[in-house]
Amino acid sequence: GWPKLLQAVEMEKILPVAEAVSGQRVFPYPVRIDAGEPGALVVAWQVVNMSPDKHRAYAAQWFTMALFLLVFFVMRSSNLWQLVKSSGGDRRK
């Protein structure tokens, strides 16, 4: 639904779609209405200044933790843990 929440405004990607949908030329810059202007509703603009690299680092952190927890779960719920612990000593068959 609308209005869409965008983290980054990439006008070169938005313009062709907006012009195709509306059938008209679109102003190539974001426009914001000031609080004193007629037609302004809630004007608590919060500029998001977060680069995609931060998102990727956050995702990498969570995927690394998920991988660690998966390995830990497999080791603890199988006999691999015992094999690893006993590999330092003598093995009995």
PDB file of N, CA and C in Angstrom:
ATOM      1  N   GLY A   1       0.801  -1.184   0.000  1.00  0.00           N
ATOM      2  CA  GLY A   1       0.000   0.000   0.000  1.00  0.00           C
ATOM      3  C   GLY A   1       0.853   1.260   0.000  1.00  0.00           C
ATOM      4  N   TRP A   2       0.181   2.362  -0.112  1.00  0.00           N
ATOM      5  CA  TRP A   2       0.841   3.650  -0.125  1.00  0.00           C
ATOM      6  C   TRP A   2       0.532   4.397   1.155  1.00  0.00           C
ATOM      7  N   PRO A   3       1.335   5.256   1.637  1.00  0.00           N
ATOM      8  CA  PRO A   3       2.612   5.669   1.068  1.00  0.00           C
ATOM      9  C   PRO A   3       3.701   4.647   1.356  1.00  0.00           C
ATOM     10  N   LYS A   4       4.620   4.529   0.439  1.00  0.00           N
ATOM     11  CA  LYS A   4       5.737   3.606   0.582  1.00  0.00           C
ATOM     12  C   LYS A   4       6.809   4.242   1.462  1.00  0.00           C
ATOM     13  N   LEU A   5       7.474   3.409   2.262  1.00  0.00           N
ATOM     14  CA  LEU A   5       8.585   3.865   3.083  1.00  0.00           C
ATOM     15  C   LEU A   5       9.871   3.480   2.371  1.00  0.00           C
ATOM     16  N   LEU A   6      10.670   4.453   2.023  1.00  0.00           N
ATOM     17  CA  LEU A   6      11.920   4.220   1.305  1.00  0.00           C
ATOM     18  C   LEU A   6      13.090   4.571   2.204  1.00  0.00           C
ATOM     19  N   GLN A   7      14.116   3.727   2.183  1.00  0.00           N
ATOM     20  CA  GLN A   7      15.319   4.049   2.946  1.00  0.00           C
ATOM     21  C   GLN A   7      16.277   4.890   2.126  1.00  0.00           C
ATOM     22  N   ALA A   8      16.246   4.729   0.835  1.00  0.00           N
ATOM     23  CA  ALA A   8      17.109   5.510  -0.040  1.00  0.00           C
ATOM     24  C   ALA A   8      16.309   5.878  -1.282  1.00  0.00           C
ATOM     25  N   VAL A   9      16.341   7.139  -1.658  1.00  0.00           N
ATOM     26  CA  VAL A   9      15.632   7.592  -2.850  1.00  0.00           C
ATOM     27  C   VAL A   9      16.605   7.540  -4.016  1.00  0.00           C
ATOM     28  N   GLU A  10      16.373   6.623  -4.927  1.00  0.00           N
ATOM     29  CA  GLU A  10      17.202   6.492  -6.122  1.00  0.00           C
ATOM     30  C   GLU A  10      16.357   6.945  -7.304  1.00  0.00           C
ATOM     31  N   MET A  11      16.446   8.235  -7.600  1.00  0.00           N
ATOM     32  CA  MET A  11      15.571   8.835  -8.604  1.00  0.00           C
ATOM     33  C   MET A  11      15.755   8.209  -9.981  1.00  0.00           C
ATOM     34  N   GLU A  12      16.969   7.776 -10.313  1.00  0.00           N
ATOM     35  CA  GLU A  12      17.188   7.184 -11.636  1.00  0.00           C
ATOM     36  C   GLU A  12      16.412   5.880 -11.810  1.00  0.00           C
ATOM     37  N   LYS A  13      16.068   5.219 -10.712  1.00  0.00           N
ATOM     38  CA  LYS A  13      15.260   3.998 -10.777  1.00  0.00           C
ATOM     39  C   LYS A  13      13.766   4.302 -10.644  1.00  0.00           C
ATOM     40  N   ILE A  14      13.436   5.341  -9.885  1.00  0.00           N
ATOM     41  CA  ILE A  14      12.034   5.666  -9.623  1.00  0.00           C
ATOM     42  C   ILE A  14      11.392   6.397 -10.808  1.00  0.00           C
ATOM     43  N   LEU A  15      12.140   7.308 -11.451  1.00  0.00           N
ATOM     44  CA  LEU A  15      11.570   8.142 -12.507  1.00  0.00           C
ATOM     45  C   LEU A  15      10.911   7.358 -13.636  1.00  0.00           C
ATOM     46  N   PRO A  16      11.579   6.367 -14.242  1.00  0.00           N
ATOM     47  CA  PRO A  16      10.922   5.655 -15.352  1.00  0.00           C
ATOM     48  C   PRO A  16       9.617   4.980 -14.939  1.00  0.00           C
ATOM     49  N   VAL A  17       9.591   4.412 -13.751  1.00  0.00           N
ATOM     50  CA  VAL A  17       8.382   3.733 -13.275  1.00  0.00           C
ATOM     51  C   VAL A  17       7.279   4.748 -13.005  1.00  0.00           C
ATOM     52  N   ALA A  18       7.615   5.841 -12.319  1.00  0.00           N
ATOM     53  CA  ALA A  18       6.618   6.863 -11.992  1.00  0.00           C
ATOM     54  C   ALA A  18       6.054   7.507 -13.252  1.00  0.00           C
ATOM     55  N   GLU A  19       6.908   7.765 -14.239  1.00  0.00           N
ATOM     56  CA  GLU A  19       6.438   8.372 -15.480  1.00  0.00           C
ATOM     57  C   GLU A  19       5.585   7.400 -16.283  1.00  0.00           C
ATOM     58  N   ALA A  20       5.931   6.110 -16.250  1.00  0.00           N
ATOM     59  CA  ALA A  20       5.133   5.111 -16.969  1.00  0.00           C
ATOM     60  C   ALA A  20       3.757   4.952 -16.332  1.00  0.00           C
ATOM     61  N   VAL A  21       3.700   4.973 -15.004  1.00  0.00           N
ATOM     62  CA  VAL A  21       2.425   4.803 -14.303  1.00  0.00           C
ATOM     63  C   VAL A  21       1.540   6.040 -14.474  1.00  0.00           C
ATOM     64  N   SER A  22       2.134   7.232 -14.329  1.00  0.00           N
ATOM     65  CA  SER A  22       1.331   8.456 -14.371  1.00  0.00           C
ATOM     66  C   SER A  22       1.076   8.951 -15.790  1.00  0.00           C
ATOM     67  N   GLY A  23       1.936   8.570 -16.728  1.00  0.00           N
ATOM     68  CA  GLY A  23       1.793   9.066 -18.094  1.00  0.00           C
ATOM     69  C   GLY A  23       2.249  10.503 -18.248  1.00  0.00           C
ATOM     70  N   GLN A  24       2.929  11.040 -17.242  1.00  0.00           N
ATOM     71  CA  GLN A  24       3.407  12.419 -17.273  1.00  0.00           C
ATOM     72  C   GLN A  24       4.867  12.453 -16.840  1.00  0.00           C
ATOM     73  N   ARG A  25       5.526  13.578 -17.181  1.00  0.00           N
ATOM     74  CA  ARG A  25       6.895  13.759 -16.705  1.00  0.00           C
ATOM     75  C   ARG A  25       6.860  14.019 -15.210  1.00  0.00           C
ATOM     76  N   VAL A  26       7.881  13.533 -14.506  1.00  0.00           N
ATOM     77  CA  VAL A  26       7.957  13.662 -13.052  1.00  0.00           C
ATOM     78  C   VAL A  26       9.157  14.534 -12.703  1.00  0.00           C
ATOM     79  N   PHE A  27       8.977  15.423 -11.716  1.00  0.00           N
ATOM     80  CA  PHE A  27      10.067  16.274 -11.240  1.00  0.00           C
ATOM     81  C   PHE A  27      11.170  15.378 -10.685  1.00  0.00           C
ATOM     82  N   PRO A  28      12.411  15.521 -11.143  1.00  0.00           N
ATOM     83  CA  PRO A  28      13.461  14.549 -10.809  1.00  0.00           C
ATOM     84  C   PRO A  28      14.134  14.723  -9.447  1.00  0.00           C
ATOM     85  N   TYR A  29      13.506  15.402  -8.514  1.00  0.00           N
ATOM     86  CA  TYR A  29      14.083  15.585  -7.184  1.00  0.00           C
ATOM     87  C   TYR A  29      13.011  15.334  -6.132  1.00  0.00           C
ATOM     88  N   PRO A  30      13.390  14.828  -4.956  1.00  0.00           N
ATOM     89  CA  PRO A  30      12.394  14.677  -3.887  1.00  0.00           C
ATOM     90  C   PRO A  30      11.919  16.046  -3.406  1.00  0.00           C
ATOM     91  N   VAL A  31      10.640  16.173  -3.121  1.00  0.00           N
ATOM     92  CA  VAL A  31      10.058  17.431  -2.661  1.00  0.00           C
ATOM     93  C   VAL A  31       9.440  17.187  -1.291  1.00  0.00           C
ATOM     94  N   ARG A  32       9.732  18.084  -0.355  1.00  0.00           N
ATOM     95  CA  ARG A  32       9.161  17.986   0.994  1.00  0.00           C
ATOM     96  C   ARG A  32       8.377  19.250   1.296  1.00  0.00           C
ATOM     97  N   ILE A  33       7.243  19.084   1.959  1.00  0.00           N
ATOM     98  CA  ILE A  33       6.399  20.221   2.321  1.00  0.00           C
ATOM     99  C   ILE A  33       6.789  20.679   3.724  1.00  0.00           C
ATOM    100  N   ASP A  34       7.002  21.984   3.884  1.00  0.00           N
ATOM    101  CA  ASP A  34       7.305  22.544   5.201  1.00  0.00           C
ATOM    102  C   ASP A  34       6.048  22.584   6.060  1.00  0.00           C
ATOM    103  N   ALA A  35       6.240  22.707   7.369  1.00  0.00           N
ATOM    104  CA  ALA A  35       5.123  22.676   8.315  1.00  0.00           C
ATOM    105  C   ALA A  35       4.131  23.810   8.088  1.00  0.00           C
ATOM    106  N   GLY A  36       4.579  24.976   7.660  1.00  0.00           N
ATOM    107  CA  GLY A  36       3.693  26.115   7.495  1.00  0.00           C
ATOM    108  C   GLY A  36       2.933  26.134   6.179  1.00  0.00           C
ATOM    109  N   GLU A  37       3.218  25.239   5.271  1.00  0.00           N
ATOM    110  CA  GLU A  37       2.587  25.231   3.954  1.00  0.00           C
ATOM    111  C   GLU A  37       1.184  24.649   4.010  1.00  0.00           C
ATOM    112  N   PRO A  38       0.267  25.164   3.162  1.00  0.00           N
ATOM    113  CA  PRO A  38      -1.069  24.567   3.118  1.00  0.00           C
ATOM    114  C   PRO A  38      -0.996  23.138   2.587  1.00  0.00           C
ATOM    115  N   GLY A  39      -1.753  22.269   3.187  1.00  0.00           N
ATOM    116  CA  GLY A  39      -1.762  20.869   2.761  1.00  0.00           C
ATOM    117  C   GLY A  39      -0.790  20.003   3.532  1.00  0.00           C
ATOM    118  N   ALA A  40      -0.005  20.618   4.405  1.00  0.00           N
ATOM    119  CA  ALA A  40       0.954  19.844   5.195  1.00  0.00           C
ATOM    120  C   ALA A  40       0.218  19.160   6.335  1.00  0.00           C
ATOM    121  N   LEU A  41       0.395  17.885   6.449  1.00  0.00           N
ATOM    122  CA  LEU A  41      -0.221  17.142   7.543  1.00  0.00           C
ATOM    123  C   LEU A  41       0.816  16.980   8.638  1.00  0.00           C
ATOM    124  N   VAL A  42       1.332  15.802   8.820  1.00  0.00           N
ATOM    125  CA  VAL A  42       2.395  15.570   9.793  1.00  0.00           C
ATOM    126  C   VAL A  42       3.715  15.769   9.061  1.00  0.00           C
ATOM    127  N   VAL A  43       4.522  16.683   9.548  1.00  0.00           N
ATOM    128  CA  VAL A  43       5.787  16.970   8.881  1.00  0.00           C
ATOM    129  C   VAL A  43       6.958  16.706   9.817  1.00  0.00           C
ATOM    130  N   ALA A  44       7.004  15.538  10.373  1.00  0.00           N
ATOM    131  CA  ALA A  44       8.124  15.139  11.224  1.00  0.00           C
ATOM    132  C   ALA A  44       9.069  14.289  10.377  1.00  0.00           C
ATOM    133  N   TRP A  45       9.701  14.938   9.391  1.00  0.00           N
ATOM    134  CA  TRP A  45      10.573  14.212   8.476  1.00  0.00           C
ATOM    135  C   TRP A  45      11.782  13.677   9.221  1.00  0.00           C
ATOM    136  N   GLN A  46      12.009  12.417   9.100  1.00  0.00           N
ATOM    137  CA  GLN A  46      13.203  11.813   9.673  1.00  0.00           C
ATOM    138  C   GLN A  46      14.069  11.327   8.524  1.00  0.00           C
ATOM    139  N   VAL A  47      15.199  11.958   8.363  1.00  0.00           N
ATOM    140  CA  VAL A  47      16.096  11.577   7.286  1.00  0.00           C
ATOM    141  C   VAL A  47      16.863  10.336   7.723  1.00  0.00           C
ATOM    142  N   VAL A  48      16.755   9.289   6.930  1.00  0.00           N
ATOM    143  CA  VAL A  48      17.465   8.047   7.217  1.00  0.00           C
ATOM    144  C   VAL A  48      18.803   8.121   6.505  1.00  0.00           C
ATOM    145  N   ASN A  49      19.859   8.081   7.271  1.00  0.00           N
ATOM    146  CA  ASN A  49      21.194   8.175   6.702  1.00  0.00           C
ATOM    147  C   ASN A  49      21.965   6.911   7.060  1.00  0.00           C
ATOM    148  N   MET A  50      21.529   5.790   6.507  1.00  0.00           N
ATOM    149  CA  MET A  50      22.173   4.518   6.795  1.00  0.00           C
ATOM    150  C   MET A  50      22.567   3.873   5.468  1.00  0.00           C
ATOM    151  N   SER A  51      23.832   3.591   5.321  1.00  0.00           N
ATOM    152  CA  SER A  51      24.301   3.034   4.058  1.00  0.00           C
ATOM    153  C   SER A  51      23.966   1.548   3.960  1.00  0.00           C
ATOM    154  N   PRO A  52      23.907   1.009   2.739  1.00  0.00           N
ATOM    155  CA  PRO A  52      23.657  -0.424   2.567  1.00  0.00           C
ATOM    156  C   PRO A  52      24.732  -1.294   3.212  1.00  0.00           C
ATOM    157  N   ASP A  53      25.953  -0.766   3.352  1.00  0.00           N
ATOM    158  CA  ASP A  53      27.020  -1.548   3.982  1.00  0.00           C
ATOM    159  C   ASP A  53      26.678  -1.898   5.419  1.00  0.00           C
ATOM    160  N   LYS A  54      26.003  -1.000   6.116  1.00  0.00           N
ATOM    161  CA  LYS A  54      25.615  -1.264   7.495  1.00  0.00           C
ATOM    162  C   LYS A  54      24.588  -2.392   7.549  1.00  0.00           C
ATOM    163  N   HIS A  55      23.676  -2.417   6.578  1.00  0.00           N
ATOM    164  CA  HIS A  55      22.689  -3.494   6.516  1.00  0.00           C
ATOM    165  C   HIS A  55      23.369  -4.831   6.249  1.00  0.00           C
ATOM    166  N   ARG A  56      24.341  -4.828   5.348  1.00  0.00           N
ATOM    167  CA  ARG A  56      25.051  -6.071   5.015  1.00  0.00           C
ATOM    168  C   ARG A  56      25.856  -6.577   6.209  1.00  0.00           C
ATOM    169  N   ALA A  57      26.487  -5.672   6.931  1.00  0.00           N
ATOM    170  CA  ALA A  57      27.255  -6.079   8.111  1.00  0.00           C
ATOM    171  C   ALA A  57      26.334  -6.661   9.173  1.00  0.00           C
ATOM    172  N   TYR A  58      25.175  -6.058   9.347  1.00  0.00           N
ATOM    173  CA  TYR A  58      24.199  -6.552  10.319  1.00  0.00           C
ATOM    174  C   TYR A  58      23.700  -7.936   9.908  1.00  0.00           C
ATOM    175  N   ALA A  59      23.429  -8.117   8.623  1.00  0.00           N
ATOM    176  CA  ALA A  59      22.983  -9.422   8.128  1.00  0.00           C
ATOM    177  C   ALA A  59      24.085 -10.461   8.292  1.00  0.00           C
ATOM    178  N   ALA A  60      25.324 -10.093   7.987  1.00  0.00           N
ATOM    179  CA  ALA A  60      26.440 -11.029   8.142  1.00  0.00           C
ATOM    180  C   ALA A  60      26.596 -11.447   9.598  1.00  0.00           C
ATOM    181  N   GLN A  61      26.411 -10.516  10.510  1.00  0.00           N
ATOM    182  CA  GLN A  61      26.503 -10.826  11.940  1.00  0.00           C
ATOM    183  C   GLN A  61      25.465 -11.878  12.326  1.00  0.00           C
ATOM    184  N   TRP A  62      24.223 -11.709  11.885  1.00  0.00           N
ATOM    185  CA  TRP A  62      23.166 -12.652  12.253  1.00  0.00           C
ATOM    186  C   TRP A  62      23.340 -14.003  11.567  1.00  0.00           C
ATOM    187  N   PHE A  63      23.779 -14.014  10.299  1.00  0.00           N
ATOM    188  CA  PHE A  63      24.005 -15.291   9.627  1.00  0.00           C
ATOM    189  C   PHE A  63      25.172 -16.043  10.259  1.00  0.00           C
ATOM    190  N   THR A  64      26.205 -15.330  10.712  1.00  0.00           N
ATOM    191  CA  THR A  64      27.323 -15.976  11.399  1.00  0.00           C
ATOM    192  C   THR A  64      26.862 -16.591  12.710  1.00  0.00           C
ATOM    193  N   MET A  65      26.048 -15.861  13.458  1.00  0.00           N
ATOM    194  CA  MET A  65      25.538 -16.415  14.707  1.00  0.00           C
ATOM    195  C   MET A  65      24.640 -17.622  14.443  1.00  0.00           C
ATOM    196  N   ALA A  66      23.819 -17.560  13.398  1.00  0.00           N
ATOM    197  CA  ALA A  66      22.947 -18.690  13.062  1.00  0.00           C
ATOM    198  C   ALA A  66      23.772 -19.911  12.680  1.00  0.00           C
ATOM    199  N   LEU A  67      24.853 -19.711  11.924  1.00  0.00           N
ATOM    200  CA  LEU A  67      25.720 -20.825  11.548  1.00  0.00           C
ATOM    201  C   LEU A  67      26.377 -21.436  12.781  1.00  0.00           C
ATOM    202  N   PHE A  68      26.874 -20.597  13.679  1.00  0.00           N
ATOM    203  CA  PHE A  68      27.482 -21.091  14.909  1.00  0.00           C
ATOM    204  C   PHE A  68      26.480 -21.900  15.728  1.00  0.00           C
ATOM    205  N   LEU A  69      25.266 -21.377  15.877  1.00  0.00           N
ATOM    206  CA  LEU A  69      24.250 -22.087  16.653  1.00  0.00           C
ATOM    207  C   LEU A  69      23.839 -23.396  15.990  1.00  0.00           C
ATOM    208  N   LEU A  70      23.804 -23.428  14.665  1.00  0.00           N
ATOM    209  CA  LEU A  70      23.486 -24.665  13.957  1.00  0.00           C
ATOM    210  C   LEU A  70      24.564 -25.716  14.197  1.00  0.00           C
ATOM    211  N   VAL A  71      25.828 -25.321  14.088  1.00  0.00           N
ATOM    212  CA  VAL A  71      26.930 -26.260  14.340  1.00  0.00           C
ATOM    213  C   VAL A  71      26.886 -26.733  15.787  1.00  0.00           C
ATOM    214  N   PHE A  72      26.654 -25.826  16.713  1.00  0.00           N
ATOM    215  CA  PHE A  72      26.569 -26.187  18.125  1.00  0.00           C
ATOM    216  C   PHE A  72      25.427 -27.172  18.366  1.00  0.00           C
ATOM    217  N   PHE A  73      24.258 -26.911  17.761  1.00  0.00           N
ATOM    218  CA  PHE A  73      23.103 -27.792  17.920  1.00  0.00           C
ATOM    219  C   PHE A  73      23.394 -29.183  17.367  1.00  0.00           C
ATOM    220  N   VAL A  74      24.000 -29.255  16.185  1.00  0.00           N
ATOM    221  CA  VAL A  74      24.321 -30.558  15.577  1.00  0.00           C
ATOM    222  C   VAL A  74      25.333 -31.303  16.433  1.00  0.00           C
ATOM    223  N   MET A  75      26.327 -30.600  16.928  1.00  0.00           N
ATOM    224  CA  MET A  75      27.353 -31.253  17.755  1.00  0.00           C
ATOM    225  C   MET A  75      26.750 -31.786  19.059  1.00  0.00           C
ATOM    226  N   ARG A  76      25.889 -31.013  19.689  1.00  0.00           N
ATOM    227  CA  ARG A  76      25.326 -31.422  20.980  1.00  0.00           C
ATOM    228  C   ARG A  76      24.224 -32.475  20.847  1.00  0.00           C
ATOM    229  N   SER A  77      23.521 -32.514  19.728  1.00  0.00           N
ATOM    230  CA  SER A  77      22.416 -33.457  19.597  1.00  0.00           C
ATOM    231  C   SER A  77      22.807 -34.714  18.829  1.00  0.00           C
ATOM    232  N   SER A  78      24.073 -34.920  18.609  1.00  0.00           N
ATOM    233  CA  SER A  78      24.542 -36.148  17.962  1.00  0.00           C
ATOM    234  C   SER A  78      25.766 -36.650  18.727  1.00  0.00           C
ATOM    235  N   ASN A  79      26.342 -37.723  18.234  1.00  0.00           N
ATOM    236  CA  ASN A  79      27.524 -38.258  18.910  1.00  0.00           C
ATOM    237  C   ASN A  79      28.813 -37.607  18.409  1.00  0.00           C
ATOM    238  N   LEU A  80      28.727 -36.589  17.592  1.00  0.00           N
ATOM    239  CA  LEU A  80      29.923 -35.896  17.117  1.00  0.00           C
ATOM    240  C   LEU A  80      30.687 -35.259  18.276  1.00  0.00           C
ATOM    241  N   TRP A  81      29.964 -34.783  19.280  1.00  0.00           N
ATOM    242  CA  TRP A  81      30.609 -34.164  20.438  1.00  0.00           C
ATOM    243  C   TRP A  81      31.506 -35.172  21.143  1.00  0.00           C
ATOM    244  N   GLN A  82      31.014 -36.399  21.308  1.00  0.00           N
ATOM    245  CA  GLN A  82      31.805 -37.447  21.955  1.00  0.00           C
ATOM    246  C   GLN A  82      33.012 -37.822  21.105  1.00  0.00           C
ATOM    247  N   LEU A  83      32.831 -37.867  19.781  1.00  0.00           N
ATOM    248  CA  LEU A  83      33.959 -38.190  18.902  1.00  0.00           C
ATOM    249  C   LEU A  83      35.046 -37.126  18.976  1.00  0.00           C
ATOM    250  N   VAL A  84      34.657 -35.883  19.047  1.00  0.00           N
ATOM    251  CA  VAL A  84      35.631 -34.795  19.133  1.00  0.00           C
ATOM    252  C   VAL A  84      36.350 -34.840  20.475  1.00  0.00           C
ATOM    253  N   LYS A  85      35.605 -35.094  21.557  1.00  0.00           N
ATOM    254  CA  LYS A  85      36.214 -35.148  22.886  1.00  0.00           C
ATOM    255  C   LYS A  85      37.158 -36.336  23.023  1.00  0.00           C
ATOM    256  N   SER A  86      36.801 -37.462  22.408  1.00  0.00           N
ATOM    257  CA  SER A  86      37.628 -38.656  22.563  1.00  0.00           C
ATOM    258  C   SER A  86      38.754 -38.729  21.544  1.00  0.00           C
ATOM    259  N   SER A  87      38.825 -37.827  20.606  1.00  0.00           N
ATOM    260  CA  SER A  87      39.881 -37.890  19.593  1.00  0.00           C
ATOM    261  C   SER A  87      41.256 -37.596  20.186  1.00  0.00           C
ATOM    262  N   GLY A  88      41.306 -36.935  21.327  1.00  0.00           N
ATOM    263  CA  GLY A  88      42.583 -36.649  21.972  1.00  0.00           C
ATOM    264  C   GLY A  88      43.144 -37.859  22.702  1.00  0.00           C
ATOM    265  N   GLY A  89      42.311 -38.774  23.160  1.00  0.00           N
ATOM    266  CA  GLY A  89      42.752 -39.953  23.906  1.00  0.00           C
ATOM    267  C   GLY A  89      42.740 -41.198  23.034  1.00  0.00           C
ATOM    268  N   ASP A  90      42.799 -42.358  23.680  1.00  0.00           N
ATOM    269  CA  ASP A  90      42.759 -43.608  22.918  1.00  0.00           C
ATOM    270  C   ASP A  90      41.320 -43.926  22.537  1.00  0.00           C
ATOM    271  N   ARG A  91      41.160 -44.543  21.375  1.00  0.00           N
ATOM    272  CA  ARG A  91      39.828 -44.891  20.887  1.00  0.00           C
ATOM    273  C   ARG A  91      39.561 -46.356  21.138  1.00  0.00           C
ATOM    274  N   ARG A  92      38.399 -46.654  21.660  1.00  0.00           N
ATOM    275  CA  ARG A  92      38.000 -48.039  21.885  1.00  0.00           C
ATOM    276  C   ARG A  92      36.944 -48.421  20.870  1.00  0.00           C
ATOM    277  N   LYS A  93      37.027 -49.622  20.377  1.00  0.00           N
ATOM    278  CA  LYS A  93      36.046 -50.094  19.405  1.00  0.00           C
ATOM    279  C   LYS A  93      35.207 -51.168  20.002  1.00  0.00           C
TER     280      LYS A  93
END
